[in-house]
Amino acid sequence: MGYDNDNIFAKILRGDIPNKTVYEDDFVLAFHDVSPQAPVHVLVIPKGAYVDIADFSARASHTEKAGFFSAVNTIVSELGLNEQGFRTIFNTGDHGGQEVPHMHMHILGGEKLGAMLGHK
């Protein structure tokens, strides 16, 4: 699957759709999720055109990768999540529940989070 330049995160990066920015630098844009699943629910997206974490891992430069994870460290620190803990999630592909075809990390925290997945 190729990258879709009209996905909602691409539109947010272009400034076509507003967001509640938490953090931005040369490598990422982080913003509040419009449907939060925890008191703190932030999405972190790379500024490059990557479909998912597998695509990002395969094609991003070392500088982009380091920049992404350095930004995540800054974001969780600025949000005050380090002491009590937080959860990060990359949903990838249909079976992984990925809804937007642009690589993104969810950062959730602000309360004790339950089990990762419900059992059927």
Protein backbone atom coordinates (compact mmCIF):
# COMPACT_ATOMS: atom_id res chain seq x y z
CA MET A 1 0.00 0.00 0.00
CA GLY A 2 1.39 3.38 -0.99
CA TYR A 3 1.15 6.56 1.00
CA ASP A 4 -2.10 8.55 0.61
CA ASN A 5 -1.37 12.30 0.58
CA ASP A 6 -5.03 12.98 1.37
CA ASN A 7 -5.18 11.09 4.68
CA ILE A 8 -6.31 13.18 7.65
CA PHE A 9 -2.85 13.37 9.23
CA ALA A 10 -1.31 14.60 5.96
CA LYS A 11 -4.00 17.28 5.90
CA ILE A 12 -3.19 18.21 9.52
CA LEU A 13 0.52 18.45 8.65
CA ARG A 14 -0.31 20.76 5.71
CA GLY A 15 -2.44 22.93 7.98
CA ASP A 16 -5.67 22.09 6.10
CA ILE A 17 -7.24 20.73 9.30
CA PRO A 18 -6.71 22.37 12.71
CA ASN A 19 -5.40 20.46 15.71
CA LYS A 20 -4.59 21.07 19.36
CA THR A 21 -0.81 20.96 19.14
CA VAL A 22 1.10 19.65 22.14
CA TYR A 23 4.57 19.70 20.57
CA GLU A 24 6.19 20.32 17.21
CA ASP A 25 9.74 20.22 15.89
CA ASP A 26 11.49 19.41 12.60
CA PHE A 27 10.58 15.73 12.84
CA VAL A 28 7.15 15.40 14.48
CA LEU A 29 3.84 16.98 15.22
CA ALA A 30 2.07 15.89 18.42
CA PHE A 31 -1.52 16.79 19.18
CA HIS A 32 -4.46 15.80 21.37
CA ASP A 33 -6.60 12.95 20.04
CA VAL A 34 -10.12 14.12 19.14
CA SER A 35 -11.56 10.97 20.78
CA PRO A 36 -9.40 10.50 23.87
CA GLN A 37 -9.30 7.06 25.49
CA ALA A 38 -7.54 8.32 28.65
CA PRO A 39 -7.17 11.65 30.48
CA VAL A 40 -4.03 12.21 28.40
CA HIS A 41 -4.23 10.91 24.83
CA VAL A 42 -1.75 12.43 22.39
CA LEU A 43 -0.90 11.37 18.86
CA VAL A 44 2.67 11.75 17.61
CA ILE A 45 3.15 11.72 13.85
CA PRO A 46 6.32 12.00 11.81
CA LYS A 47 6.45 14.84 9.31
CA GLY A 48 7.57 12.40 6.60
CA ALA A 49 5.17 10.37 4.46
CA TYR A 50 5.19 6.94 6.14
CA VAL A 51 2.23 4.56 6.11
CA ASP A 52 3.00 2.74 9.36
CA ILE A 53 5.77 1.82 11.79
CA ALA A 54 7.06 -0.91 9.45
CA ASP A 55 7.35 1.60 6.59
CA PHE A 56 8.99 4.16 8.91
CA SER A 57 11.46 1.54 10.20
CA ALA A 58 12.39 0.52 6.67
CA ARG A 59 12.62 3.90 4.94
CA ALA A 60 13.19 6.71 7.47
CA SER A 61 16.68 8.06 7.92
CA HIS A 62 18.54 7.47 11.16
CA THR A 63 18.12 11.18 11.87
CA GLU A 64 14.32 10.95 11.45
CA LYS A 65 14.14 7.88 13.69
CA ALA A 66 16.27 9.48 16.39
CA GLY A 67 14.29 12.71 16.08
CA PHE A 68 10.97 10.89 16.46
CA PHE A 69 11.91 9.03 19.62
CA SER A 70 13.72 12.02 21.12
CA ALA A 71 10.53 14.03 20.59
CA VAL A 72 8.48 11.31 22.32
CA ASN A 73 10.79 11.55 25.33
CA THR A 74 10.34 15.33 25.43
CA ILE A 75 6.55 15.05 25.07
CA VAL A 76 6.06 12.56 27.91
CA SER A 77 8.33 14.67 30.12
CA GLU A 78 6.45 17.87 29.31
CA LEU A 79 3.12 16.11 29.96
CA GLY A 80 4.40 14.92 33.37
CA LEU A 81 3.87 11.25 32.56
CA ASN A 82 7.30 9.84 33.45
CA GLU A 83 6.75 9.33 37.18
CA GLN A 84 3.44 7.44 37.12
CA GLY A 85 3.89 5.84 33.71
CA PHE A 86 2.16 5.84 30.35
CA ARG A 87 1.35 3.58 27.42
CA THR A 88 2.52 3.93 23.82
CA ILE A 89 0.77 2.19 20.95
CA PHE A 90 1.46 1.83 17.24
CA ASN A 91 -1.52 0.29 15.44
CA THR A 92 -0.38 -1.23 12.15
CA GLY A 93 -2.55 -2.47 9.30
CA ASP A 94 -6.10 -3.75 9.32
CA HIS A 95 -5.60 -6.50 11.91
CA GLY A 96 -3.71 -4.06 14.14
CA GLY A 97 -6.62 -1.61 14.10
CA GLN A 98 -4.86 1.17 12.17
CA GLU A 99 -7.47 3.72 11.09
CA VAL A 100 -5.31 6.40 9.46
CA PRO A 101 -2.66 5.32 6.91
CA HIS A 102 0.03 7.62 8.31
CA MET A 103 2.41 6.26 10.94
CA HIS A 104 1.41 7.49 14.38
CA MET A 105 2.05 6.69 18.01
CA HIS A 106 -0.61 7.01 20.69
CA ILE A 107 0.60 8.19 24.09
CA LEU A 108 -1.94 7.47 26.83
CA GLY A 109 -1.71 8.28 30.52
CA GLY A 110 -2.99 10.40 33.34
CA GLU A 111 -4.56 7.47 35.19
CA LYS A 112 -3.92 3.79 35.81
CA LEU A 113 -4.72 2.09 32.51
CA GLY A 114 -6.45 -1.27 32.28
CA ALA A 115 -5.44 -4.40 30.44
CA MET A 116 -4.11 -3.93 26.92
CA LEU A 117 -6.65 -6.16 25.20
CA GLY A 118 -9.90 -7.66 26.34
CA HIS A 119 -10.08 -11.44 26.14
CA LYS A 120 -12.80 -13.02 24.06
